[in-house]
Amino acid sequence: MPKAPKKSQEMTVDKVIAYTTNQLFEAEMIRKYLSDHQITAFILNKMDSAYHFGDIELLVYKDDLIRAKKLIGDFHKNE
């Protein structure tokens, strides 16, 4: 009977910052682009609504970070 995978072999569920911007529409477009390439991304809006300063962070799972950064680079090349 096969054993269940050990914790170290399972996908890490920690999220990391893949991209930062101050434009919500840009974060949404990149999130959709990553989703189209089977990468789950999350938007964390840290922008102050009254004074419009701060950042919008695009988070991905740690295991997807390298691929996500490559895709984000490709996204900007195709703009």
C-alpha atoms as a PDB file:
ATOM      1  CA  MET A   1       0.000   0.000   0.000  1.00  0.00           C
ATOM      2  CA  PRO A   2       1.529   3.389  -1.010  1.00  0.00           C
ATOM      3  CA  LYS A   3       2.305   5.839   1.740  1.00  0.00           C
ATOM      4  CA  ALA A   4       0.958   9.372   1.791  1.00  0.00           C
ATOM      5  CA  PRO A   5       3.504  11.984   0.684  1.00  0.00           C
ATOM      6  CA  LYS A   6       5.502  13.634   3.427  1.00  0.00           C
ATOM      7  CA  LYS A   7       4.912  17.285   4.215  1.00  0.00           C
ATOM      8  CA  SER A   8       8.128  18.312   2.459  1.00  0.00           C
ATOM      9  CA  GLN A   9       6.879  16.713  -0.767  1.00  0.00           C
ATOM     10  CA  GLU A  10       3.502  18.432  -0.752  1.00  0.00           C
ATOM     11  CA  MET A  11       2.890  21.754  -2.462  1.00  0.00           C
ATOM     12  CA  THR A  12       3.795  24.639  -0.194  1.00  0.00           C
ATOM     13  CA  VAL A  13       0.778  26.821   0.493  1.00  0.00           C
ATOM     14  CA  ASP A  14       2.735  29.936   1.475  1.00  0.00           C
ATOM     15  CA  LYS A  15       2.017  32.954  -0.705  1.00  0.00           C
ATOM     16  CA  VAL A  16       4.729  35.376  -1.817  1.00  0.00           C
ATOM     17  CA  ILE A  17       4.750  38.705  -3.633  1.00  0.00           C
ATOM     18  CA  ALA A  18       5.278  38.222  -7.362  1.00  0.00           C
ATOM     19  CA  TYR A  19       4.596  41.798  -8.476  1.00  0.00           C
ATOM     20  CA  THR A  20       3.839  45.225  -7.022  1.00  0.00           C
ATOM     21  CA  THR A  21       2.120  48.144  -8.737  1.00  0.00           C
ATOM     22  CA  ASN A  22       0.059  51.204  -7.909  1.00  0.00           C
ATOM     23  CA  GLN A  23      -2.497  50.543 -10.670  1.00  0.00           C
ATOM     24  CA  LEU A  24      -5.382  48.193  -9.825  1.00  0.00           C
ATOM     25  CA  PHE A  25      -6.276  47.588 -13.484  1.00  0.00           C
ATOM     26  CA  GLU A  26      -2.691  46.448 -14.185  1.00  0.00           C
ATOM     27  CA  ALA A  27      -2.784  44.022 -11.242  1.00  0.00           C
ATOM     28  CA  GLU A  28      -6.117  42.642 -12.486  1.00  0.00           C
ATOM     29  CA  MET A  29      -4.800  42.177 -16.030  1.00  0.00           C
ATOM     30  CA  ILE A  30      -1.705  40.333 -14.780  1.00  0.00           C
ATOM     31  CA  ARG A  31      -3.801  38.202 -12.405  1.00  0.00           C
ATOM     32  CA  LYS A  32      -5.999  37.172 -15.349  1.00  0.00           C
ATOM     33  CA  TYR A  33      -2.934  36.464 -17.527  1.00  0.00           C
ATOM     34  CA  LEU A  34      -1.481  34.216 -14.815  1.00  0.00           C
ATOM     35  CA  SER A  35      -4.843  32.497 -14.394  1.00  0.00           C
ATOM     36  CA  ASP A  36      -4.909  31.799 -18.144  1.00  0.00           C
ATOM     37  CA  HIS A  37      -1.591  29.970 -17.592  1.00  0.00           C
ATOM     38  CA  GLN A  38      -2.903  27.915 -14.631  1.00  0.00           C
ATOM     39  CA  ILE A  39      -1.307  30.014 -11.885  1.00  0.00           C
ATOM     40  CA  THR A  40      -3.540  31.112  -9.036  1.00  0.00           C
ATOM     41  CA  ALA A  41      -2.858  34.715  -8.069  1.00  0.00           C
ATOM     42  CA  PHE A  42      -4.302  36.947  -5.372  1.00  0.00           C
ATOM     43  CA  ILE A  43      -4.505  40.738  -5.239  1.00  0.00           C
ATOM     44  CA  LEU A  44      -3.764  42.452  -1.946  1.00  0.00           C
ATOM     45  CA  ASN A  45      -4.732  46.112  -2.205  1.00  0.00           C
ATOM     46  CA  LYS A  46      -2.741  48.161   0.312  1.00  0.00           C
ATOM     47  CA  MET A  47      -3.551  51.458  -1.382  1.00  0.00           C
ATOM     48  CA  ASP A  48      -5.073  54.183   0.787  1.00  0.00           C
ATOM     49  CA  SER A  49      -8.469  55.040  -0.701  1.00  0.00           C
ATOM     50  CA  ALA A  50      -8.498  58.656   0.474  1.00  0.00           C
ATOM     51  CA  TYR A  51      -4.998  59.763  -0.554  1.00  0.00           C
ATOM     52  CA  HIS A  52      -4.217  57.196  -3.276  1.00  0.00           C
ATOM     53  CA  PHE A  53      -0.785  56.152  -2.086  1.00  0.00           C
ATOM     54  CA  GLY A  54       0.470  52.692  -1.293  1.00  0.00           C
ATOM     55  CA  ASP A  55       0.901  49.518  -3.266  1.00  0.00           C
ATOM     56  CA  ILE A  56      -1.153  46.762  -4.768  1.00  0.00           C
ATOM     57  CA  GLU A  57       0.578  43.405  -4.383  1.00  0.00           C
ATOM     58  CA  LEU A  58       0.051  40.393  -6.583  1.00  0.00           C
ATOM     59  CA  LEU A  59       0.614  37.215  -4.594  1.00  0.00           C
ATOM     60  CA  VAL A  60       1.180  33.682  -5.871  1.00  0.00           C
ATOM     61  CA  TYR A  61       1.938  30.389  -4.198  1.00  0.00           C
ATOM     62  CA  LYS A  62       5.628  30.036  -3.422  1.00  0.00           C
ATOM     63  CA  ASP A  63       5.944  27.023  -5.738  1.00  0.00           C
ATOM     64  CA  ASP A  64       4.659  29.119  -8.689  1.00  0.00           C
ATOM     65  CA  LEU A  65       6.870  32.171  -8.125  1.00  0.00           C
ATOM     66  CA  ILE A  66       9.572  31.534 -10.748  1.00  0.00           C
ATOM     67  CA  ARG A  67       7.067  30.672 -13.466  1.00  0.00           C
ATOM     68  CA  ALA A  68       4.859  33.631 -12.490  1.00  0.00           C
ATOM     69  CA  LYS A  69       7.766  36.104 -12.718  1.00  0.00           C
ATOM     70  CA  LYS A  70       8.652  34.776 -16.178  1.00  0.00           C
ATOM     71  CA  LEU A  71       5.043  35.124 -17.319  1.00  0.00           C
ATOM     72  CA  ILE A  72       4.835  38.663 -15.878  1.00  0.00           C
ATOM     73  CA  GLY A  73       7.962  39.544 -17.879  1.00  0.00           C
ATOM     74  CA  ASP A  74       6.345  38.080 -20.999  1.00  0.00           C
ATOM     75  CA  PHE A  75       3.170  40.054 -20.249  1.00  0.00           C
ATOM     76  CA  HIS A  76       5.114  43.333 -20.169  1.00  0.00           C
ATOM     77  CA  LYS A  77       6.987  42.492 -23.386  1.00  0.00           C
ATOM     78  CA  ASN A  78       3.653  41.992 -25.181  1.00  0.00           C
ATOM     79  CA  GLU A  79       2.104  45.272 -23.984  1.00  0.00           C
END
